[in-house]
């Protein structure tokens, strides 16, 4: 019983120290993860996109993986003494997930790129990211370059494939197909 009272006293003291030092409810620094958007972060922190933009002096809603942004009061882990890093340094340190995302793929005409005709649009991955897209029913895979934004309108649709990429996966007849995304390389 005595140990419980001591633990309770420690928690009370810690909270009082935070209040007195002005830290209670203070903004926290969050390191943007692949797939994060201002909308998803605003939703998780019960705030608005506009407020996050004001807090971080952002002119657009675009975020980069590895970017440090402020979130309101304790909504995310604190990043202490985080050194400024270049995009390439952040990308090389990021762990490569086995499966990045699951959902539905659709196809469209695609945006031309001089490196490949196998391109795709994704809502949040950085341009220049190479993604392995696997059709979950057939097991066919294709490596695509992210060079556009989309798909818009339906949350279950996670990637817009160029016609060439859709043909390689065999989804031209289906129109919409279940897929798994794996990040092959981030620029």
N, C-alpha and C. Protein backbone atom coordinates (compact mmCIF):
# COMPACT_ATOMS: atom_id res chain seq x y z
N UNK A 1 0.82 -1.19 0.00
CA UNK A 1 0.00 0.00 0.00
C UNK A 1 0.87 1.26 0.00
N UNK A 2 1.94 1.19 0.77
CA UNK A 2 2.82 2.34 0.87
C UNK A 2 3.48 2.65 -0.49
N UNK A 3 3.86 1.58 -1.22
CA UNK A 3 4.48 1.75 -2.55
C UNK A 3 3.51 2.44 -3.50
N UNK A 4 2.22 2.10 -3.41
CA UNK A 4 1.22 2.74 -4.29
C UNK A 4 1.12 4.23 -4.00
N UNK A 5 1.14 4.58 -2.70
CA UNK A 5 1.06 6.00 -2.33
C UNK A 5 2.29 6.75 -2.83
N UNK A 6 3.46 6.13 -2.71
CA UNK A 6 4.68 6.77 -3.18
C UNK A 6 4.64 6.97 -4.70
N UNK A 7 4.16 5.96 -5.42
CA UNK A 7 4.06 6.07 -6.88
C UNK A 7 3.08 7.17 -7.26
N UNK A 8 1.96 7.24 -6.55
CA UNK A 8 0.98 8.29 -6.81
C UNK A 8 1.55 9.67 -6.55
N UNK A 9 2.35 9.79 -5.48
CA UNK A 9 2.99 11.05 -5.16
C UNK A 9 3.98 11.45 -6.25
N UNK A 10 4.73 10.48 -6.77
CA UNK A 10 5.69 10.77 -7.85
C UNK A 10 4.98 11.26 -9.10
N UNK A 11 3.87 10.62 -9.46
CA UNK A 11 3.10 11.05 -10.63
C UNK A 11 2.58 12.46 -10.43
N UNK A 12 2.06 12.75 -9.24
CA UNK A 12 1.55 14.08 -8.93
C UNK A 12 2.67 15.11 -9.02
N UNK A 13 3.83 14.80 -8.47
CA UNK A 13 4.97 15.71 -8.52
C UNK A 13 5.42 15.95 -9.95
N UNK A 14 5.46 14.90 -10.74
CA UNK A 14 5.89 15.03 -12.14
C UNK A 14 4.91 15.92 -12.91
N UNK A 15 3.61 15.71 -12.69
CA UNK A 15 2.60 16.52 -13.37
C UNK A 15 2.71 17.98 -12.92
N UNK A 16 2.90 18.20 -11.61
CA UNK A 16 3.03 19.57 -11.10
C UNK A 16 4.25 20.25 -11.70
N UNK A 17 5.35 19.52 -11.82
CA UNK A 17 6.57 20.09 -12.41
C UNK A 17 6.33 20.46 -13.86
N UNK A 18 5.59 19.63 -14.58
CA UNK A 18 5.30 19.92 -15.98
C UNK A 18 4.44 21.17 -16.10
N UNK A 19 3.45 21.31 -15.23
CA UNK A 19 2.57 22.48 -15.26
C UNK A 19 3.37 23.74 -14.93
N UNK A 20 4.20 23.66 -13.86
CA UNK A 20 4.97 24.82 -13.46
C UNK A 20 6.00 25.23 -14.50
N UNK A 21 6.54 24.26 -15.23
CA UNK A 21 7.54 24.59 -16.25
C UNK A 21 6.90 24.95 -17.57
N UNK A 22 5.57 24.88 -17.64
CA UNK A 22 4.89 25.26 -18.88
C UNK A 22 4.87 24.16 -19.92
N UNK A 23 5.17 22.93 -19.53
CA UNK A 23 5.24 21.85 -20.51
C UNK A 23 3.91 21.12 -20.69
N UNK A 24 3.01 21.20 -19.76
CA UNK A 24 1.74 20.49 -19.89
C UNK A 24 0.97 21.07 -21.05
N UNK A 25 0.58 20.24 -21.98
CA UNK A 25 -0.18 20.69 -23.14
C UNK A 25 0.68 21.39 -24.18
N UNK A 26 2.00 21.35 -24.01
CA UNK A 26 2.89 22.01 -24.97
C UNK A 26 2.88 21.26 -26.29
N UNK A 27 3.27 21.98 -27.33
CA UNK A 27 3.37 21.35 -28.64
C UNK A 27 4.48 20.32 -28.63
N UNK A 28 4.30 19.27 -29.42
CA UNK A 28 5.28 18.20 -29.53
C UNK A 28 5.81 18.17 -30.95
N UNK A 29 7.03 17.70 -31.11
CA UNK A 29 7.63 17.55 -32.43
C UNK A 29 7.44 16.11 -32.86
N UNK A 30 7.00 15.93 -34.09
CA UNK A 30 6.71 14.60 -34.64
C UNK A 30 7.49 14.42 -35.94
N UNK A 31 8.08 13.27 -36.13
CA UNK A 31 8.79 12.95 -37.36
C UNK A 31 7.80 12.29 -38.33
N UNK A 32 7.56 12.91 -39.47
CA UNK A 32 6.58 12.43 -40.46
C UNK A 32 7.00 11.06 -40.99
N UNK A 33 6.06 10.13 -41.00
CA UNK A 33 6.29 8.77 -41.48
C UNK A 33 5.72 8.62 -42.89
N UNK A 34 6.21 7.65 -43.68
CA UNK A 34 5.61 7.42 -45.00
C UNK A 34 4.12 7.14 -44.84
N UNK A 35 3.34 7.78 -45.66
CA UNK A 35 1.89 7.60 -45.60
C UNK A 35 1.16 8.65 -44.78
N UNK A 36 1.89 9.42 -43.97
CA UNK A 36 1.27 10.48 -43.19
C UNK A 36 0.82 11.62 -44.10
N UNK A 37 -0.27 12.23 -43.78
CA UNK A 37 -0.73 13.44 -44.45
C UNK A 37 -1.18 14.42 -43.37
N UNK A 38 -1.31 15.68 -43.74
CA UNK A 38 -1.80 16.65 -42.76
C UNK A 38 -3.18 16.26 -42.29
N UNK A 39 -4.00 15.75 -43.20
CA UNK A 39 -5.36 15.33 -42.83
C UNK A 39 -5.31 14.21 -41.78
N UNK A 40 -4.50 13.18 -42.02
CA UNK A 40 -4.46 12.05 -41.07
C UNK A 40 -3.89 12.49 -39.72
N UNK A 41 -2.88 13.38 -39.73
CA UNK A 41 -2.31 13.86 -38.47
C UNK A 41 -3.30 14.76 -37.73
N UNK A 42 -4.04 15.58 -38.48
CA UNK A 42 -5.05 16.43 -37.85
C UNK A 42 -6.13 15.58 -37.20
N UNK A 43 -6.52 14.52 -37.89
CA UNK A 43 -7.56 13.63 -37.36
C UNK A 43 -7.07 12.94 -36.08
N UNK A 44 -5.82 12.46 -36.09
CA UNK A 44 -5.26 11.77 -34.92
C UNK A 44 -5.11 12.69 -33.72
N UNK A 45 -4.88 13.98 -33.97
CA UNK A 45 -4.64 14.92 -32.88
C UNK A 45 -5.86 15.78 -32.56
N UNK A 46 -6.99 15.46 -33.17
CA UNK A 46 -8.24 16.18 -32.93
C UNK A 46 -8.10 17.68 -33.17
N UNK A 47 -7.48 18.02 -34.29
CA UNK A 47 -7.33 19.42 -34.67
C UNK A 47 -7.69 19.56 -36.15
N UNK A 48 -7.35 20.69 -36.74
CA UNK A 48 -7.67 20.91 -38.15
C UNK A 48 -6.38 21.01 -38.97
N UNK A 49 -6.51 20.77 -40.27
CA UNK A 49 -5.38 20.92 -41.18
C UNK A 49 -4.89 22.36 -41.15
N UNK A 50 -5.83 23.31 -41.15
CA UNK A 50 -5.46 24.73 -41.14
C UNK A 50 -4.62 25.07 -39.91
N UNK A 51 -4.99 24.53 -38.74
CA UNK A 51 -4.22 24.80 -37.53
C UNK A 51 -2.81 24.21 -37.63
N UNK A 52 -2.70 22.99 -38.16
CA UNK A 52 -1.37 22.39 -38.34
C UNK A 52 -0.53 23.22 -39.31
N UNK A 53 -1.15 23.72 -40.37
CA UNK A 53 -0.42 24.56 -41.32
C UNK A 53 0.07 25.84 -40.64
N UNK A 54 -0.79 26.46 -39.83
CA UNK A 54 -0.38 27.68 -39.11
C UNK A 54 0.74 27.39 -38.12
N UNK A 55 0.61 26.30 -37.36
CA UNK A 55 1.62 25.95 -36.35
C UNK A 55 3.00 25.73 -36.96
N UNK A 56 3.01 25.21 -38.21
CA UNK A 56 4.26 24.83 -38.85
C UNK A 56 4.66 25.76 -39.99
N UNK A 57 3.91 26.86 -40.16
CA UNK A 57 4.18 27.82 -41.25
C UNK A 57 4.27 27.12 -42.60
N UNK A 58 3.30 26.24 -42.87
CA UNK A 58 3.27 25.50 -44.13
C UNK A 58 2.36 26.22 -45.12
N UNK A 59 2.85 26.40 -46.34
CA UNK A 59 2.05 27.02 -47.39
C UNK A 59 1.22 26.00 -48.16
N UNK A 60 1.63 24.73 -48.12
CA UNK A 60 0.88 23.69 -48.83
C UNK A 60 0.62 22.54 -47.87
N UNK A 61 -0.14 21.57 -48.33
CA UNK A 61 -0.48 20.41 -47.50
C UNK A 61 0.50 19.27 -47.72
N UNK A 62 1.55 19.48 -48.46
CA UNK A 62 2.51 18.42 -48.78
C UNK A 62 3.49 18.22 -47.62
N UNK A 63 3.67 16.96 -47.23
CA UNK A 63 4.63 16.58 -46.20
C UNK A 63 5.65 15.63 -46.80
N UNK A 64 6.87 15.65 -46.25
CA UNK A 64 7.92 14.72 -46.67
C UNK A 64 8.17 13.73 -45.54
N UNK A 65 8.38 12.47 -45.89
CA UNK A 65 8.75 11.49 -44.88
C UNK A 65 10.05 11.94 -44.24
N UNK A 66 10.11 11.92 -42.91
CA UNK A 66 11.29 12.35 -42.18
C UNK A 66 11.24 13.79 -41.72
N UNK A 67 10.31 14.57 -42.26
CA UNK A 67 10.17 15.98 -41.89
C UNK A 67 9.70 16.08 -40.44
N UNK A 68 10.24 17.03 -39.68
CA UNK A 68 9.82 17.25 -38.30
C UNK A 68 8.76 18.35 -38.29
N UNK A 69 7.60 18.06 -37.70
CA UNK A 69 6.55 19.07 -37.59
C UNK A 69 6.04 19.12 -36.16
N UNK A 70 5.43 20.25 -35.80
CA UNK A 70 4.85 20.41 -34.47
C UNK A 70 3.41 19.92 -34.50
N UNK A 71 3.03 19.18 -33.46
CA UNK A 71 1.65 18.75 -33.25
C UNK A 71 1.20 19.29 -31.91
N UNK A 72 -0.09 19.55 -31.76
CA UNK A 72 -0.57 20.10 -30.48
C UNK A 72 -0.48 19.10 -29.34
N UNK A 73 -0.14 19.62 -28.16
CA UNK A 73 -0.12 18.97 -26.87
C UNK A 73 -0.06 17.48 -26.73
N UNK A 74 1.09 16.90 -26.79
CA UNK A 74 1.28 15.52 -26.40
C UNK A 74 0.68 14.50 -27.32
N UNK A 75 0.34 14.85 -28.53
CA UNK A 75 -0.31 13.90 -29.43
C UNK A 75 0.66 12.96 -30.09
N UNK A 76 1.95 13.23 -29.97
CA UNK A 76 2.93 12.38 -30.63
C UNK A 76 4.20 12.35 -29.79
N UNK A 77 5.05 11.37 -30.06
CA UNK A 77 6.29 11.30 -29.30
C UNK A 77 7.18 12.51 -29.56
N UNK A 78 7.94 12.88 -28.54
CA UNK A 78 8.84 14.02 -28.66
C UNK A 78 10.11 13.57 -29.37
N UNK A 79 10.60 14.38 -30.28
CA UNK A 79 11.88 14.12 -30.92
C UNK A 79 12.85 15.13 -30.32
N UNK A 80 13.72 14.67 -29.45
CA UNK A 80 14.64 15.58 -28.76
C UNK A 80 15.96 15.67 -29.51
N UNK A 81 16.45 16.89 -29.63
CA UNK A 81 17.75 17.14 -30.24
C UNK A 81 17.89 16.46 -31.59
N UNK A 82 16.84 16.49 -32.39
CA UNK A 82 16.90 15.87 -33.71
C UNK A 82 17.72 16.74 -34.63
N UNK A 83 18.82 16.22 -35.18
CA UNK A 83 19.63 17.03 -36.07
C UNK A 83 18.92 17.26 -37.40
N UNK A 84 19.20 18.39 -38.03
CA UNK A 84 18.63 18.65 -39.35
C UNK A 84 19.27 17.67 -40.31
N UNK A 85 18.45 17.06 -41.18
CA UNK A 85 18.96 16.08 -42.12
C UNK A 85 18.45 16.39 -43.51
N UNK A 86 19.22 15.98 -44.50
CA UNK A 86 18.77 16.14 -45.87
C UNK A 86 17.79 15.04 -46.19
N UNK A 87 17.02 15.22 -47.26
CA UNK A 87 16.04 14.20 -47.65
C UNK A 87 16.71 12.86 -47.91
N UNK A 88 17.87 12.86 -48.56
CA UNK A 88 18.53 11.60 -48.88
C UNK A 88 19.03 10.90 -47.62
N UNK A 89 19.48 11.67 -46.62
CA UNK A 89 19.93 11.07 -45.37
C UNK A 89 18.76 10.44 -44.63
N UNK A 90 17.62 11.11 -44.62
CA UNK A 90 16.43 10.57 -43.98
C UNK A 90 15.97 9.31 -44.70
N UNK A 91 15.93 9.35 -46.03
CA UNK A 91 15.46 8.21 -46.81
C UNK A 91 16.36 6.99 -46.60
N UNK A 92 17.67 7.20 -46.48
CA UNK A 92 18.56 6.06 -46.32
C UNK A 92 18.44 5.45 -44.93
N UNK A 93 17.97 6.23 -43.92
CA UNK A 93 17.84 5.71 -42.56
C UNK A 93 16.49 5.07 -42.30
N UNK A 94 15.53 5.31 -43.18
CA UNK A 94 14.18 4.80 -42.95
C UNK A 94 14.14 3.29 -43.12
N UNK A 95 13.49 2.58 -42.20
CA UNK A 95 13.36 1.14 -42.38
C UNK A 95 12.41 0.86 -43.53
N UNK A 96 12.73 -0.17 -44.30
CA UNK A 96 11.87 -0.53 -45.42
C UNK A 96 10.86 -1.55 -44.91
N UNK A 97 9.57 -1.19 -44.91
CA UNK A 97 8.56 -2.12 -44.40
C UNK A 97 8.36 -3.29 -45.35
N UNK A 98 7.99 -4.43 -44.79
CA UNK A 98 7.70 -5.58 -45.62
C UNK A 98 6.50 -5.27 -46.50
N UNK A 99 5.39 -4.87 -45.90
CA UNK A 99 4.22 -4.44 -46.66
C UNK A 99 3.92 -3.02 -46.23
N UNK A 100 3.92 -2.10 -47.19
CA UNK A 100 3.68 -0.70 -46.88
C UNK A 100 2.19 -0.40 -46.77
N UNK A 101 1.40 -0.94 -47.72
CA UNK A 101 -0.02 -0.61 -47.76
C UNK A 101 -0.78 -1.69 -48.51
N UNK A 102 -2.03 -1.91 -48.12
CA UNK A 102 -2.93 -2.83 -48.83
C UNK A 102 -4.18 -2.07 -49.20
N UNK A 103 -4.71 -2.37 -50.36
CA UNK A 103 -5.93 -1.71 -50.81
C UNK A 103 -6.23 -2.06 -52.25
N UNK A 104 -6.93 -1.16 -52.91
CA UNK A 104 -7.33 -1.40 -54.30
C UNK A 104 -6.53 -0.51 -55.24
N UNK A 105 -6.20 -1.08 -56.40
CA UNK A 105 -5.50 -0.33 -57.45
C UNK A 105 -6.46 -0.10 -58.60
N UNK A 106 -6.34 1.06 -59.21
CA UNK A 106 -7.08 1.39 -60.43
C UNK A 106 -6.04 1.85 -61.44
N UNK A 107 -6.47 2.05 -62.67
CA UNK A 107 -5.51 2.53 -63.66
C UNK A 107 -6.07 3.72 -64.41
N UNK A 108 -5.15 4.48 -64.96
CA UNK A 108 -5.50 5.66 -65.75
C UNK A 108 -4.43 5.79 -66.83
N UNK A 109 -4.52 6.78 -67.66
CA UNK A 109 -3.56 6.94 -68.76
C UNK A 109 -2.12 7.03 -68.29
N UNK A 110 -1.91 7.60 -67.14
CA UNK A 110 -0.56 7.71 -66.59
C UNK A 110 0.09 9.01 -66.97
N UNK A 111 1.08 9.38 -66.21
CA UNK A 111 1.87 10.59 -66.49
C UNK A 111 3.20 10.14 -67.08
N UNK A 112 3.58 10.71 -68.18
CA UNK A 112 4.80 10.30 -68.87
C UNK A 112 6.04 10.59 -68.02
N UNK A 113 7.01 9.68 -68.15
CA UNK A 113 8.30 9.84 -67.50
C UNK A 113 9.34 9.27 -68.44
N UNK A 114 10.47 9.95 -68.59
CA UNK A 114 11.48 9.51 -69.53
C UNK A 114 12.19 8.24 -69.09
N UNK A 115 12.09 7.89 -67.80
CA UNK A 115 12.78 6.69 -67.30
C UNK A 115 12.01 5.40 -67.54
N UNK A 116 10.67 5.47 -67.51
CA UNK A 116 9.87 4.24 -67.63
C UNK A 116 8.43 4.56 -67.98
N UNK A 117 7.73 3.59 -68.57
CA UNK A 117 6.29 3.75 -68.81
C UNK A 117 5.50 3.14 -67.66
N UNK A 118 6.20 2.44 -66.77
CA UNK A 118 5.55 1.81 -65.61
C UNK A 118 5.53 2.83 -64.47
N UNK A 119 4.53 3.70 -64.49
CA UNK A 119 4.42 4.77 -63.51
C UNK A 119 3.13 4.62 -62.73
N UNK A 120 3.02 5.43 -61.67
CA UNK A 120 1.82 5.37 -60.83
C UNK A 120 1.65 6.68 -60.07
N UNK A 121 0.44 6.87 -59.57
CA UNK A 121 0.11 8.01 -58.72
C UNK A 121 -0.21 7.50 -57.32
N UNK A 122 0.32 8.19 -56.31
CA UNK A 122 0.05 7.84 -54.92
C UNK A 122 -0.19 9.15 -54.17
N UNK A 123 -1.03 9.11 -53.14
CA UNK A 123 -1.37 10.33 -52.42
C UNK A 123 -0.23 10.92 -51.61
N UNK A 124 0.65 10.10 -51.05
CA UNK A 124 1.62 10.66 -50.11
C UNK A 124 3.07 10.26 -50.33
N UNK A 125 3.35 9.23 -51.09
CA UNK A 125 4.75 8.83 -51.29
C UNK A 125 5.49 9.89 -52.09
N UNK A 126 6.75 10.14 -51.76
CA UNK A 126 7.51 11.16 -52.50
C UNK A 126 7.67 10.78 -53.96
N UNK A 127 7.67 11.80 -54.82
CA UNK A 127 7.94 11.55 -56.23
C UNK A 127 9.32 10.92 -56.36
N UNK A 128 9.44 9.97 -57.28
CA UNK A 128 10.71 9.29 -57.48
C UNK A 128 10.83 8.01 -56.68
N UNK A 129 9.83 7.68 -55.87
CA UNK A 129 9.84 6.44 -55.09
C UNK A 129 9.49 5.28 -56.02
N UNK A 130 10.23 4.19 -55.90
CA UNK A 130 9.92 2.97 -56.65
C UNK A 130 9.15 2.03 -55.73
N UNK A 131 8.01 1.55 -56.21
CA UNK A 131 7.12 0.72 -55.41
C UNK A 131 6.84 -0.59 -56.15
N UNK A 132 6.91 -1.70 -55.41
CA UNK A 132 6.53 -2.98 -55.97
C UNK A 132 5.04 -3.18 -55.68
N UNK A 133 4.24 -3.32 -56.74
CA UNK A 133 2.80 -3.52 -56.61
C UNK A 133 2.52 -4.98 -56.94
N UNK A 134 1.87 -5.69 -56.02
CA UNK A 134 1.56 -7.10 -56.21
C UNK A 134 0.05 -7.29 -56.20
N UNK A 135 -0.46 -7.92 -57.26
CA UNK A 135 -1.89 -8.27 -57.36
C UNK A 135 -2.11 -9.41 -56.38
N UNK A 136 -2.95 -9.22 -55.37
CA UNK A 136 -3.08 -10.22 -54.30
C UNK A 136 -3.77 -11.51 -54.76
N UNK A 137 -4.59 -11.45 -55.80
CA UNK A 137 -5.25 -12.68 -56.26
C UNK A 137 -4.37 -13.51 -57.19
N UNK A 138 -3.59 -12.86 -58.05
CA UNK A 138 -2.80 -13.60 -59.03
C UNK A 138 -1.34 -13.74 -58.64
N UNK A 139 -0.85 -12.88 -57.74
CA UNK A 139 0.55 -12.93 -57.35
C UNK A 139 1.48 -12.21 -58.31
N UNK A 140 0.96 -11.66 -59.40
CA UNK A 140 1.80 -10.92 -60.36
C UNK A 140 2.26 -9.62 -59.72
N UNK A 141 3.51 -9.22 -60.04
CA UNK A 141 4.07 -7.99 -59.48
C UNK A 141 4.64 -7.12 -60.59
N UNK A 142 4.70 -5.83 -60.30
CA UNK A 142 5.31 -4.87 -61.21
C UNK A 142 5.98 -3.78 -60.36
N UNK A 143 7.11 -3.29 -60.83
CA UNK A 143 7.82 -2.21 -60.17
C UNK A 143 7.45 -0.91 -60.86
N UNK A 144 6.89 0.05 -60.11
CA UNK A 144 6.43 1.31 -60.71
C UNK A 144 7.12 2.49 -60.05
N UNK A 145 7.19 3.58 -60.79
CA UNK A 145 7.77 4.84 -60.32
C UNK A 145 6.65 5.80 -59.96
N UNK A 146 6.65 6.34 -58.76
CA UNK A 146 5.64 7.32 -58.34
C UNK A 146 6.01 8.68 -58.94
N UNK A 147 5.13 9.19 -59.83
CA UNK A 147 5.40 10.48 -60.45
C UNK A 147 4.16 11.35 -60.56
N UNK A 148 3.10 11.01 -59.80
CA UNK A 148 1.86 11.76 -59.86
C UNK A 148 1.12 11.60 -58.54
N UNK A 149 0.08 12.38 -58.32
CA UNK A 149 -0.75 12.29 -57.12
C UNK A 149 -2.11 11.70 -57.46
N UNK A 150 -2.64 10.91 -56.58
CA UNK A 150 -3.94 10.28 -56.74
C UNK A 150 -3.89 8.95 -56.03
N UNK A 151 -4.89 8.16 -56.08
CA UNK A 151 -6.24 8.42 -56.58
C UNK A 151 -7.04 9.24 -55.56
N UNK A 152 -7.99 9.97 -56.07
CA UNK A 152 -8.81 10.84 -55.22
C UNK A 152 -10.24 10.33 -55.16
N UNK A 153 -10.91 10.57 -54.05
CA UNK A 153 -12.34 10.29 -53.97
C UNK A 153 -12.75 9.05 -53.21
N UNK A 154 -11.99 7.97 -53.28
CA UNK A 154 -12.38 6.74 -52.60
C UNK A 154 -11.19 6.23 -51.79
N UNK A 155 -11.37 6.15 -50.48
CA UNK A 155 -10.25 5.84 -49.58
C UNK A 155 -9.69 4.43 -49.77
N UNK A 156 -10.48 3.49 -50.27
CA UNK A 156 -9.97 2.12 -50.45
C UNK A 156 -9.02 2.02 -51.64
N UNK A 157 -9.07 3.01 -52.54
CA UNK A 157 -8.17 3.02 -53.69
C UNK A 157 -6.87 3.71 -53.29
N UNK A 158 -5.77 2.94 -53.32
CA UNK A 158 -4.52 3.45 -52.79
C UNK A 158 -3.50 3.84 -53.85
N UNK A 159 -3.70 3.38 -55.10
CA UNK A 159 -2.72 3.68 -56.14
C UNK A 159 -3.41 3.70 -57.50
N UNK A 160 -3.00 4.66 -58.33
CA UNK A 160 -3.43 4.75 -59.73
C UNK A 160 -2.27 4.27 -60.58
N UNK A 161 -2.45 3.21 -61.34
CA UNK A 161 -1.38 2.67 -62.17
C UNK A 161 -1.49 3.19 -63.59
N UNK A 162 -0.36 3.36 -64.26
CA UNK A 162 -0.40 3.69 -65.68
C UNK A 162 -0.98 2.48 -66.43
N UNK A 163 -1.43 2.71 -67.64
CA UNK A 163 -2.00 1.61 -68.44
C UNK A 163 -0.99 0.49 -68.63
N UNK A 164 0.28 0.84 -68.85
CA UNK A 164 1.32 -0.18 -69.04
C UNK A 164 1.51 -1.03 -67.78
N UNK A 165 1.50 -0.39 -66.62
CA UNK A 165 1.64 -1.13 -65.36
C UNK A 165 0.43 -2.01 -65.11
N UNK A 166 -0.77 -1.49 -65.40
CA UNK A 166 -2.00 -2.27 -65.22
C UNK A 166 -2.01 -3.48 -66.15
N UNK A 167 -1.53 -3.30 -67.37
CA UNK A 167 -1.45 -4.41 -68.34
C UNK A 167 -0.51 -5.48 -67.83
N UNK A 168 0.63 -5.07 -67.26
CA UNK A 168 1.61 -6.02 -66.71
C UNK A 168 1.02 -6.81 -65.55
N UNK A 169 0.22 -6.15 -64.72
CA UNK A 169 -0.42 -6.84 -63.59
C UNK A 169 -1.62 -7.67 -64.02
N UNK A 170 -2.15 -7.39 -65.20
CA UNK A 170 -3.32 -8.13 -65.68
C UNK A 170 -4.63 -7.63 -65.10
N UNK A 171 -4.73 -6.32 -64.84
CA UNK A 171 -5.97 -5.80 -64.27
C UNK A 171 -6.77 -4.96 -65.26
N UNK A 172 -6.39 -4.95 -66.53
CA UNK A 172 -7.11 -4.13 -67.52
C UNK A 172 -8.58 -4.54 -67.61
N UNK A 173 -8.87 -5.83 -67.53
CA UNK A 173 -10.25 -6.31 -67.61
C UNK A 173 -11.03 -6.09 -66.32
N UNK A 174 -10.32 -6.10 -65.19
CA UNK A 174 -10.98 -5.92 -63.89
C UNK A 174 -11.32 -4.47 -63.60
N UNK A 175 -10.44 -3.56 -63.98
CA UNK A 175 -10.64 -2.15 -63.68
C UNK A 175 -10.14 -1.76 -62.30
N UNK A 176 -10.53 -2.53 -61.30
CA UNK A 176 -10.09 -2.30 -59.92
C UNK A 176 -9.64 -3.65 -59.38
N UNK A 177 -8.49 -3.69 -58.70
CA UNK A 177 -7.97 -4.97 -58.21
C UNK A 177 -7.31 -4.79 -56.85
N UNK A 178 -7.38 -5.84 -56.01
CA UNK A 178 -6.71 -5.78 -54.71
C UNK A 178 -5.20 -5.91 -54.88
N UNK A 179 -4.44 -5.03 -54.20
CA UNK A 179 -2.99 -5.05 -54.33
C UNK A 179 -2.32 -4.84 -52.98
N UNK A 180 -1.04 -5.17 -52.96
CA UNK A 180 -0.16 -4.91 -51.82
C UNK A 180 0.99 -4.06 -52.33
N UNK A 181 1.35 -3.03 -51.58
CA UNK A 181 2.46 -2.16 -51.97
C UNK A 181 3.65 -2.39 -51.05
N UNK A 182 4.83 -2.51 -51.66
CA UNK A 182 6.09 -2.59 -50.93
C UNK A 182 7.00 -1.52 -51.49
N UNK A 183 7.66 -0.77 -50.64
CA UNK A 183 8.57 0.27 -51.11
C UNK A 183 9.88 -0.40 -51.49
N UNK A 184 10.28 -0.20 -52.74
CA UNK A 184 11.55 -0.76 -53.22
C UNK A 184 12.68 0.23 -52.99
N UNK A 185 12.43 1.52 -53.27
CA UNK A 185 13.47 2.54 -53.10
C UNK A 185 12.85 3.91 -52.96
N UNK A 186 13.30 4.65 -51.96
CA UNK A 186 12.86 6.03 -51.76
C UNK A 186 14.01 6.94 -52.19
N UNK A 187 13.71 7.99 -52.96
CA UNK A 187 14.79 8.86 -53.45
C UNK A 187 15.53 9.57 -52.34
